[in-house]
Protein backbone atom coordinates (compact mmCIF):
# COMPACT_ATOMS: atom_id res chain seq x y z
CA MET A 1 0.09 0.05 -0.17
CA ALA A 2 1.63 3.17 -0.94
CA ARG A 3 1.17 6.22 1.37
CA PRO A 4 2.12 9.76 0.55
CA SER A 5 3.81 9.83 4.28
CA ILE A 6 4.94 8.05 7.50
CA VAL A 7 5.28 8.55 11.22
CA LEU A 8 8.42 7.14 12.78
CA VAL A 9 8.80 7.10 17.11
CA ASN A 10 12.59 6.28 18.19
CA THR A 11 11.79 5.73 22.14
CA GLY A 12 13.35 3.76 24.75
CA HIS A 13 15.98 4.15 27.49
CA GLY A 14 18.99 3.03 25.05
CA LYS A 15 21.41 6.02 22.93
CA GLY A 16 20.46 6.76 19.55
CA LYS A 17 16.91 8.24 19.54
CA THR A 18 18.10 11.68 18.40
CA SER A 19 21.23 10.22 16.32
CA ALA A 20 18.65 8.06 14.39
CA ALA A 21 16.37 10.94 13.62
CA MET A 22 19.20 12.99 12.62
CA GLY A 23 20.37 10.28 10.17
CA VAL A 24 16.79 10.51 9.02
CA MET A 25 17.10 14.40 8.45
CA ALA A 26 20.23 14.15 6.33
CA ARG A 27 18.45 11.63 3.98
CA GLY A 28 15.21 13.72 3.50
CA TRP A 29 17.73 16.57 2.95
CA ALA A 30 19.63 14.57 0.40
CA ARG A 31 16.37 14.05 -1.47
CA GLY A 32 15.61 17.50 -1.78
CA TRP A 33 13.12 17.63 1.11
CA LYS A 34 12.13 20.62 3.07
CA VAL A 35 12.96 19.53 6.53
CA ALA A 36 12.64 21.23 9.87
CA VAL A 37 13.19 20.03 13.39
CA VAL A 38 11.54 21.26 16.77
CA GLN A 39 13.81 20.34 20.11
CA PHE A 40 11.09 20.20 22.90
CA ILE A 41 14.05 20.08 25.55
CA LYS A 42 17.38 21.36 24.62
CA GLY A 43 17.69 24.77 24.63
CA GLY A 44 20.10 27.18 22.97
CA ASP A 45 22.73 26.66 25.62
CA TRP A 46 23.52 23.22 24.33
CA LYS A 47 25.33 23.76 20.99
CA VAL A 48 24.56 20.28 19.20
CA GLY A 49 26.77 18.95 16.54
CA GLU A 50 22.86 18.35 14.81
CA LYS A 51 22.17 21.90 14.65
CA LYS A 52 25.47 22.89 13.27
CA LEU A 53 24.97 20.43 10.51
CA ALA A 54 21.21 21.73 10.10
CA ASP A 55 22.48 25.19 9.79
CA HIS A 56 25.18 24.21 7.00
CA LEU A 57 22.47 22.36 4.97
CA GLY A 58 19.92 25.38 5.90
CA ILE A 59 17.40 23.25 7.24
CA GLU A 60 14.98 24.94 10.06
CA TRP A 61 15.88 24.37 12.99
CA HIS A 62 13.77 25.28 16.47
CA GLU A 63 15.64 25.33 20.01
CA LEU A 64 12.68 26.16 22.32
CA GLY A 65 13.19 24.01 25.37
CA ASP A 66 15.39 24.93 28.73
CA GLY A 67 17.23 22.03 28.96
CA PHE A 68 16.79 19.09 31.11
CA THR A 69 13.91 19.30 33.81
CA TRP A 70 16.26 18.15 36.48
CA GLU A 71 18.42 21.34 35.40
CA SER A 72 15.18 23.53 35.48
CA THR A 73 15.12 26.43 38.05
CA ASP A 74 11.49 27.06 37.11
CA LEU A 75 9.33 24.08 35.81
CA ASP A 76 6.69 26.41 35.14
CA GLU A 77 8.90 28.31 32.77
CA SER A 78 9.95 25.02 31.30
CA ALA A 79 5.80 23.57 31.15
CA ALA A 80 5.17 26.94 29.13
CA LYS A 81 8.18 26.71 26.82
CA GLY A 82 6.76 23.22 26.31
CA ARG A 83 3.37 24.12 25.20
CA HIS A 84 5.04 26.84 23.13
CA ALA A 85 7.05 24.33 21.13
CA TRP A 86 4.05 22.50 20.67
CA GLY A 87 2.35 25.09 19.28
CA VAL A 88 4.98 25.75 16.73
CA ALA A 89 4.99 22.06 16.10
CA LYS A 90 1.24 21.70 15.54
CA ALA A 91 0.71 24.73 13.00
CA MET A 92 3.62 23.15 11.22
CA LEU A 93 2.13 19.72 10.72
CA ALA A 94 -1.23 21.43 9.78
CA SER A 95 1.19 23.74 7.08
CA GLY A 96 1.80 21.32 4.01
CA ASP A 97 5.06 23.61 4.06
CA TYR A 98 7.20 20.53 5.09
CA ASP A 99 8.18 16.86 3.78
CA LEU A 100 9.94 15.93 7.01
CA LEU A 101 9.35 17.13 10.68
CA ILE A 102 11.38 15.75 13.33
CA PHE A 103 10.11 16.53 16.88
CA ASP A 104 12.95 15.75 18.99
CA GLU A 105 12.30 14.73 22.78
CA VAL A 106 8.61 15.27 22.40
CA THR A 107 7.87 12.65 24.78
CA TYR A 108 8.37 14.48 28.11
CA PRO A 109 5.81 17.32 27.52
CA MET A 110 3.71 14.57 27.01
CA ILE A 111 4.54 12.41 30.45
CA PHE A 112 5.12 15.55 32.12
CA GLY A 113 1.57 16.70 31.33
CA TRP A 114 2.63 19.88 29.40
CA ILE A 115 0.86 18.93 26.53
CA ASP A 116 -2.08 16.75 25.85
CA THR A 117 -1.18 13.31 24.14
CA ALA A 118 -4.13 12.98 22.50
CA GLU A 119 -4.13 16.23 20.89
CA VAL A 120 -0.73 15.72 20.07
CA ALA A 121 -2.06 12.00 18.28
CA ASP A 122 -4.76 13.94 16.47
CA ALA A 123 -2.82 16.63 15.05
CA ILE A 124 -0.35 13.78 13.74
CA VAL A 125 -2.86 11.82 12.57
CA ASN A 126 -4.56 15.05 10.98
CA ARG A 127 -1.11 16.52 9.55
CA ALA A 128 -0.51 17.72 6.06
CA PRO A 129 -0.79 14.56 3.70
CA ARG A 130 2.94 14.44 2.54
CA THR A 131 4.54 15.26 5.97
CA ASN A 132 6.66 12.56 7.34
CA VAL A 133 7.20 12.95 11.00
CA VAL A 134 10.16 11.52 13.35
CA LEU A 135 9.26 11.59 17.14
CA THR A 136 11.82 10.57 19.85
CA GLY A 137 11.79 10.42 23.32
CA ARG A 138 11.74 8.06 26.27
CA ASP A 139 8.47 6.14 27.07
CA ALA A 140 6.52 6.93 23.97
CA PRO A 141 2.87 7.05 25.01
CA GLU A 142 0.64 4.42 24.14
CA GLU A 143 -1.49 6.23 22.06
CA ILE A 144 1.70 7.52 20.10
CA ILE A 145 2.63 4.24 19.27
CA ALA A 146 -0.55 3.19 17.97
CA ILE A 147 -0.73 5.80 15.40
CA ALA A 148 3.08 5.25 14.47
CA ASP A 149 3.99 3.21 11.28
CA THR A 150 7.50 2.34 12.80
CA VAL A 151 8.14 2.07 16.17
CA THR A 152 11.77 1.51 17.56
CA GLU A 153 12.94 0.66 20.72
CA MET A 154 16.65 1.22 22.03
CA ARG A 155 17.41 -0.56 24.83
CA LEU A 156 20.29 0.22 26.78
CA VAL A 157 22.37 -2.46 27.19
CA LYS A 158 25.82 -0.81 28.52
CA HIS A 159 26.68 3.35 28.47
CA ALA A 160 30.09 4.80 28.77
CA TYR A 161 28.14 7.28 31.25
CA GLU A 162 28.19 4.23 33.73
CA GLN A 163 31.77 4.31 33.58
CA GLY A 164 32.10 7.48 34.53
CA ILE A 165 32.74 8.92 31.03
CA ASN A 166 30.93 12.03 30.97
CA ALA A 167 28.65 13.04 27.03
CA MET A 168 31.19 13.85 24.73
CA LYS A 169 30.68 16.23 21.72
CA GLY A 170 30.63 14.38 18.46
CA ILE A 171 28.73 11.30 19.93
CA GLU A 172 26.17 12.67 22.40
CA TYR A 173 25.99 16.22 21.35
């Protein structure tokens, strides 16, 4: 069955969810697609390598979070930023302007109750017909898994952090 677009979810507690999504970003760009990324948790202080690549390629990028919740000094502000990010993402889904949208770490605002999971699922189901979507983050809600065409769960087997090795530029960010 040919479909005009699909929904992919990268979830689980293992490393590689965003990395895999960035691979899809590169493939879409290489096919001449209009691609955009919305980061729901990471903010402008992160200086991630994938943003540097996106800037170089002319890919639209929105860093709308304020960092990880355990680092937040104001969770109400974090929640407001998450809701704002969803507003941006929802408009992009409906616009028909994009071939590929990547919603990085979007599961967390749903899990935290900052944005309504049913609303997210509905907006994705009713997106512009040719807009492919990749969602990343741990513990993807069942409602999101149910509407996805492909779901990959990254399973943690071993991680360098457990050995005292901090996140490294070029590997984690």
